[in-house]
Protein backbone atom coordinates (compact mmCIF):
# COMPACT_ATOMS: atom_id res chain seq x y z
CA MET A 1 3.64 -24.66 -0.16
CA ILE A 2 5.24 -21.32 0.73
CA VAL A 3 4.41 -19.28 3.82
CA LEU A 4 5.41 -15.66 3.21
CA LYS A 5 5.51 -12.88 5.80
CA LEU A 6 5.38 -9.28 4.61
CA GLY A 7 6.76 -7.19 7.43
CA GLY A 8 4.65 -4.33 8.69
CA SER A 9 7.66 -2.03 8.34
CA VAL A 10 7.87 -2.97 4.66
CA ILE A 11 4.31 -2.16 3.64
CA THR A 12 3.62 0.80 5.97
CA GLU A 13 5.35 3.98 7.06
CA LYS A 14 5.97 2.71 10.55
CA ASP A 15 6.69 6.09 12.14
CA ARG A 16 3.45 7.64 10.76
CA GLU A 17 0.26 6.20 12.22
CA GLU A 18 -1.95 4.26 9.80
CA THR A 19 0.07 5.22 6.73
CA LEU A 20 0.75 2.82 3.86
CA ASP A 21 3.99 2.60 1.92
CA GLY A 22 2.02 2.37 -1.30
CA GLU A 23 4.98 1.82 -3.61
CA ALA A 24 6.39 -1.00 -1.49
CA LEU A 25 3.01 -2.71 -1.21
CA GLU A 26 2.51 -2.53 -4.96
CA ARG A 27 5.96 -4.06 -5.55
CA ALA A 28 5.24 -6.86 -3.10
CA ALA A 29 1.90 -7.58 -4.74
CA ALA A 30 3.50 -7.73 -8.18
CA ALA A 31 6.11 -10.22 -6.93
CA VAL A 32 3.44 -12.41 -5.34
CA ALA A 33 1.50 -12.39 -8.60
CA ASP A 34 4.44 -14.06 -10.36
CA CYS A 35 4.58 -16.96 -7.87
CA ASP A 36 3.47 -20.28 -9.34
CA GLU A 37 3.46 -22.26 -6.08
CA ASP A 38 0.79 -22.66 -3.40
CA LEU A 39 1.13 -19.61 -1.18
CA VAL A 40 -0.06 -18.30 2.17
CA VAL A 41 0.63 -14.65 2.95
CA VAL A 42 0.91 -13.16 6.45
CA HIS A 43 1.49 -9.46 7.03
CA GLY A 44 2.52 -7.51 10.09
CA GLY A 45 0.82 -4.57 11.74
CA GLY A 46 3.24 -1.74 11.05
CA SER A 47 1.82 1.70 11.71
CA PHE A 48 -1.73 0.34 11.79
CA GLY A 49 -1.79 -2.20 14.61
CA HIS A 50 1.23 -1.36 16.73
CA PRO A 51 0.35 2.20 17.87
CA HIS A 52 -3.11 1.08 18.99
CA ALA A 53 -1.70 -1.94 20.80
CA GLU A 54 0.78 0.30 22.59
CA GLU A 55 -1.95 2.79 23.52
CA TRP A 56 -4.04 0.06 25.12
CA GLY A 57 -1.10 -1.74 26.75
CA ALA A 58 -1.53 -4.91 24.71
CA SER A 59 1.37 -7.20 23.84
CA THR A 60 1.94 -10.89 23.30
CA THR A 61 1.85 -11.34 27.11
CA ASP A 62 -0.18 -8.36 28.39
CA GLY A 63 -3.87 -8.50 27.62
CA VAL A 64 -6.61 -5.94 27.07
CA ASP A 65 -10.17 -6.55 28.25
CA ASP A 66 -11.71 -3.25 27.19
CA VAL A 67 -14.08 -3.60 24.23
CA ALA A 68 -13.00 -0.21 22.87
CA GLY A 69 -9.35 -1.25 22.91
CA ILE A 70 -9.99 -4.63 21.30
CA THR A 71 -12.09 -2.98 18.62
CA ALA A 72 -9.49 -0.28 17.89
CA ILE A 73 -6.63 -2.76 17.51
CA HIS A 74 -8.53 -5.32 15.47
CA THR A 75 -10.15 -2.70 13.23
CA ALA A 76 -6.77 -1.15 12.44
CA MET A 77 -5.45 -4.55 11.38
CA THR A 78 -8.45 -5.44 9.24
CA THR A 79 -8.14 -2.04 7.57
CA LEU A 80 -4.52 -2.77 6.64
CA ASN A 81 -5.54 -6.25 5.52
CA ALA A 82 -8.10 -4.70 3.17
CA PHE A 83 -5.39 -2.54 1.59
CA VAL A 84 -3.15 -5.58 1.10
CA LEU A 85 -6.02 -7.49 -0.51
CA ARG A 86 -6.79 -4.53 -2.77
CA ASP A 87 -3.27 -4.43 -4.18
CA LEU A 88 -3.14 -8.21 -4.60
CA HIS A 89 -6.48 -8.12 -6.43
CA ASP A 90 -5.09 -5.40 -8.69
CA GLU A 91 -2.47 -7.98 -9.71
CA ASP A 92 -5.13 -10.67 -10.21
CA VAL A 93 -4.00 -12.65 -7.18
CA PRO A 94 -6.96 -14.69 -5.80
CA ALA A 95 -6.36 -13.38 -2.28
CA VAL A 96 -8.90 -13.84 0.50
CA PRO A 97 -8.84 -12.61 4.12
CA VAL A 98 -8.41 -14.83 7.17
CA HIS A 99 -8.69 -12.94 10.47
CA PRO A 100 -6.88 -14.70 13.35
CA PHE A 101 -9.05 -13.01 16.00
CA SER A 102 -11.95 -15.17 14.81
CA ALA A 103 -9.96 -18.39 14.78
CA GLY A 104 -7.21 -18.53 17.39
CA HIS A 105 -6.87 -18.41 21.16
CA ARG A 106 -4.37 -18.84 23.97
CA ASP A 107 -4.99 -20.95 27.03
CA ALA A 108 -4.18 -19.81 30.56
CA SER A 109 -0.55 -20.92 30.09
CA GLY A 110 -0.22 -18.75 26.99
CA ASP A 111 -0.05 -21.66 24.55
CA LEU A 112 -1.47 -20.73 21.16
CA SER A 113 -4.08 -22.68 19.23
CA LEU A 114 -4.45 -21.53 15.62
CA PRO A 115 -6.28 -24.15 13.52
CA SER A 116 -5.03 -24.37 9.95
CA GLU A 117 -7.74 -26.45 8.29
CA GLN A 118 -9.50 -23.36 6.92
CA VAL A 119 -6.26 -22.05 5.43
CA GLU A 120 -5.35 -25.41 3.94
CA THR A 121 -8.78 -25.80 2.35
CA LEU A 122 -8.62 -22.32 0.84
CA VAL A 123 -5.22 -23.12 -0.70
CA ASP A 124 -6.56 -26.41 -2.06
CA GLU A 125 -9.43 -24.45 -3.64
CA GLY A 126 -7.00 -22.18 -5.48
CA PHE A 127 -7.05 -19.16 -3.18
CA VAL A 128 -4.21 -17.25 -1.52
CA PRO A 129 -5.16 -16.82 2.17
CA VAL A 130 -3.93 -13.54 3.65
CA LEU A 131 -3.59 -13.47 7.44
CA HIS A 132 -2.28 -10.69 9.63
CA GLY A 133 -1.04 -9.81 13.08
CA ASP A 134 -4.06 -9.48 15.32
CA LEU A 135 -5.47 -10.03 18.79
CA VAL A 136 -6.54 -13.45 20.06
CA ALA A 137 -8.67 -14.45 23.01
CA HIS A 138 -6.43 -15.30 25.97
CA ALA A 139 -7.82 -17.17 28.97
CA GLY A 140 -7.62 -14.94 32.05
CA LYS A 141 -6.27 -11.91 30.12
CA GLY A 142 -9.00 -10.87 27.72
CA ALA A 143 -7.10 -10.64 24.43
CA THR A 144 -3.39 -10.50 23.69
CA VAL A 145 -1.39 -9.67 20.56
CA LEU A 146 -0.72 -12.44 18.08
CA SER A 147 2.25 -11.36 16.00
CA GLY A 148 2.68 -12.16 12.35
CA ASP A 149 5.83 -14.07 13.24
CA GLU A 150 3.88 -16.36 15.56
CA ILE A 151 1.35 -16.96 12.80
CA VAL A 152 4.12 -17.85 10.35
CA THR A 153 5.58 -20.34 12.82
CA ALA A 154 2.22 -21.94 13.60
CA LEU A 155 1.16 -22.23 9.96
CA ALA A 156 4.52 -23.40 8.65
CA ASP A 157 4.48 -26.32 11.07
CA SER A 158 0.81 -27.26 10.75
CA LEU A 159 0.77 -26.93 6.95
CA ASP A 160 4.15 -28.66 6.59
CA ALA A 161 5.36 -25.75 4.47
CA ASP A 162 8.22 -26.41 2.09
CA ARG A 163 9.61 -22.88 2.35
CA VAL A 164 9.22 -19.93 4.71
CA GLY A 165 10.16 -16.36 3.89
CA VAL A 166 10.18 -13.16 5.92
CA CYS A 167 10.36 -9.97 3.85
CA SER A 168 11.88 -7.24 6.02
CA THR A 169 13.26 -3.71 5.64
CA VAL A 170 16.82 -5.02 5.77
CA PRO A 171 18.58 -7.47 3.41
CA GLY A 172 18.82 -10.07 6.16
CA VAL A 173 19.84 -10.31 9.81
CA LEU A 174 22.73 -7.93 10.32
CA ASP A 175 25.81 -8.40 12.50
CA ALA A 176 26.56 -6.31 15.59
CA ASP A 177 28.02 -3.52 13.43
CA GLY A 178 24.86 -3.38 11.37
CA GLU A 179 26.82 -3.68 8.14
CA THR A 180 27.17 -7.35 7.21
CA VAL A 181 24.32 -9.77 6.51
CA LEU A 182 24.71 -12.99 8.46
CA ALA A 183 24.48 -15.88 6.03
CA GLU A 184 23.15 -18.38 8.58
CA ILE A 185 21.78 -18.52 12.14
CA SER A 186 21.30 -21.75 14.05
CA ALA A 187 21.03 -20.52 17.68
CA PHE A 188 19.76 -17.27 19.19
CA GLU A 189 22.72 -17.06 21.55
CA ASP A 190 25.04 -16.73 18.56
CA VAL A 191 23.45 -13.43 17.53
CA ALA A 192 21.91 -12.10 20.76
CA ASP A 193 24.33 -9.17 20.98
CA ALA A 194 23.56 -8.12 17.43
CA LEU A 195 19.78 -8.12 17.74
CA GLY A 196 17.68 -5.31 19.16
CA GLY A 197 14.14 -3.96 18.86
CA SER A 198 12.76 -1.93 15.98
CA ASP A 199 13.65 1.75 15.67
CA ALA A 200 9.95 2.60 15.96
CA THR A 201 7.20 1.10 18.09
CA ASP A 202 6.91 -2.69 17.81
CA VAL A 203 5.00 -4.67 20.43
CA SER A 204 5.95 -8.01 18.89
CA GLY A 205 9.71 -8.10 19.36
CA GLY A 206 11.36 -6.58 16.28
CA MET A 207 14.07 -8.59 14.54
CA ALA A 208 14.85 -10.47 17.75
CA GLY A 209 11.26 -11.68 17.84
CA LYS A 210 11.47 -12.77 14.22
CA VAL A 211 14.61 -14.79 14.77
CA ARG A 212 13.25 -16.46 17.91
CA ALA A 213 10.06 -17.42 16.09
CA LEU A 214 11.86 -18.78 13.04
CA LEU A 215 14.30 -20.77 15.16
CA ALA A 216 11.28 -22.63 16.50
CA LEU A 217 10.62 -24.06 13.03
CA GLY A 218 11.79 -27.49 12.03
CA SER A 219 12.90 -26.28 8.59
CA PRO A 220 15.03 -23.40 7.29
CA ALA A 221 13.55 -19.95 6.74
CA SER A 222 14.86 -16.93 4.86
CA VAL A 223 14.93 -13.29 5.98
CA PHE A 224 15.44 -10.82 3.14
CA SER A 225 14.49 -7.39 1.82
CA LEU A 226 11.78 -6.39 -0.63
CA GLU A 227 14.41 -6.26 -3.36
CA ASP A 228 14.92 -10.01 -2.95
CA LEU A 229 11.25 -11.03 -2.67
CA SER A 230 11.00 -12.13 -6.30
CA ALA A 231 14.22 -14.12 -5.98
CA PHE A 232 12.87 -15.94 -2.93
CA LEU A 233 9.59 -16.75 -4.65
CA ASP A 234 11.61 -18.03 -7.62
CA GLY A 235 13.29 -20.61 -5.38
CA GLU A 236 16.47 -18.82 -4.32
CA GLU A 237 17.68 -18.34 -0.72
CA PRO A 238 18.53 -14.65 -0.38
CA GLY A 239 19.46 -12.86 2.82
CA THR A 240 19.88 -14.89 6.00
CA THR A 241 18.97 -18.55 6.33
CA ILE A 242 17.68 -19.48 9.79
CA HIS A 243 17.89 -23.15 10.69
CA GLY A 244 15.25 -24.42 13.10
CA ASP A 245 16.38 -26.22 16.22
CA SER A 246 13.51 -28.70 16.32
């Protein structure tokens, strides 16, 4: 079982609202089509979800209770999800949508519940579930953002995934000079000075958010670029390996 995250910055033009990076998405879909293992795909929001979330003041901790805002954010993400499915179908991948807004929630303490039985059954039936960053109901706050990185963490643990990969716009987690790929990370404090937010709008934490989420896993995860996606799916460990602390 592989849980794969396609970063929103990879498959969209993140500085142009609701704009796909068509070439990158096609390349990602072709790589996924060559994977022979059970696979769950999660994609980020990129220029579809993030601008709307920012407009309505929604984040992983700040909620939105306006129906118009919830609809705008969720619709943008399901639109992007439809594009991802289209390209996967073009490569004969048996991809099916799973929308977290209809499945997950946070309690008043902010703890996430994202049941995985649906996803596991779909995989067992030969499908490739495709989830995405979304909103989730949040007790006392209306709805808050559920990032793709949180979904990866939740699914990897509940599905007991063998491998986790995060396909990003960089070849791995870079050092403070932004030139060298760090081979391994085992604690956030070791790389805190090197990590910052995304260059464009990102309500889910940028690379720092990715590293924090992946450190919460009990098994190693890989962060790599689109150029290394096929290598990862072939069993290699490109980019940066992040060792969970649990």
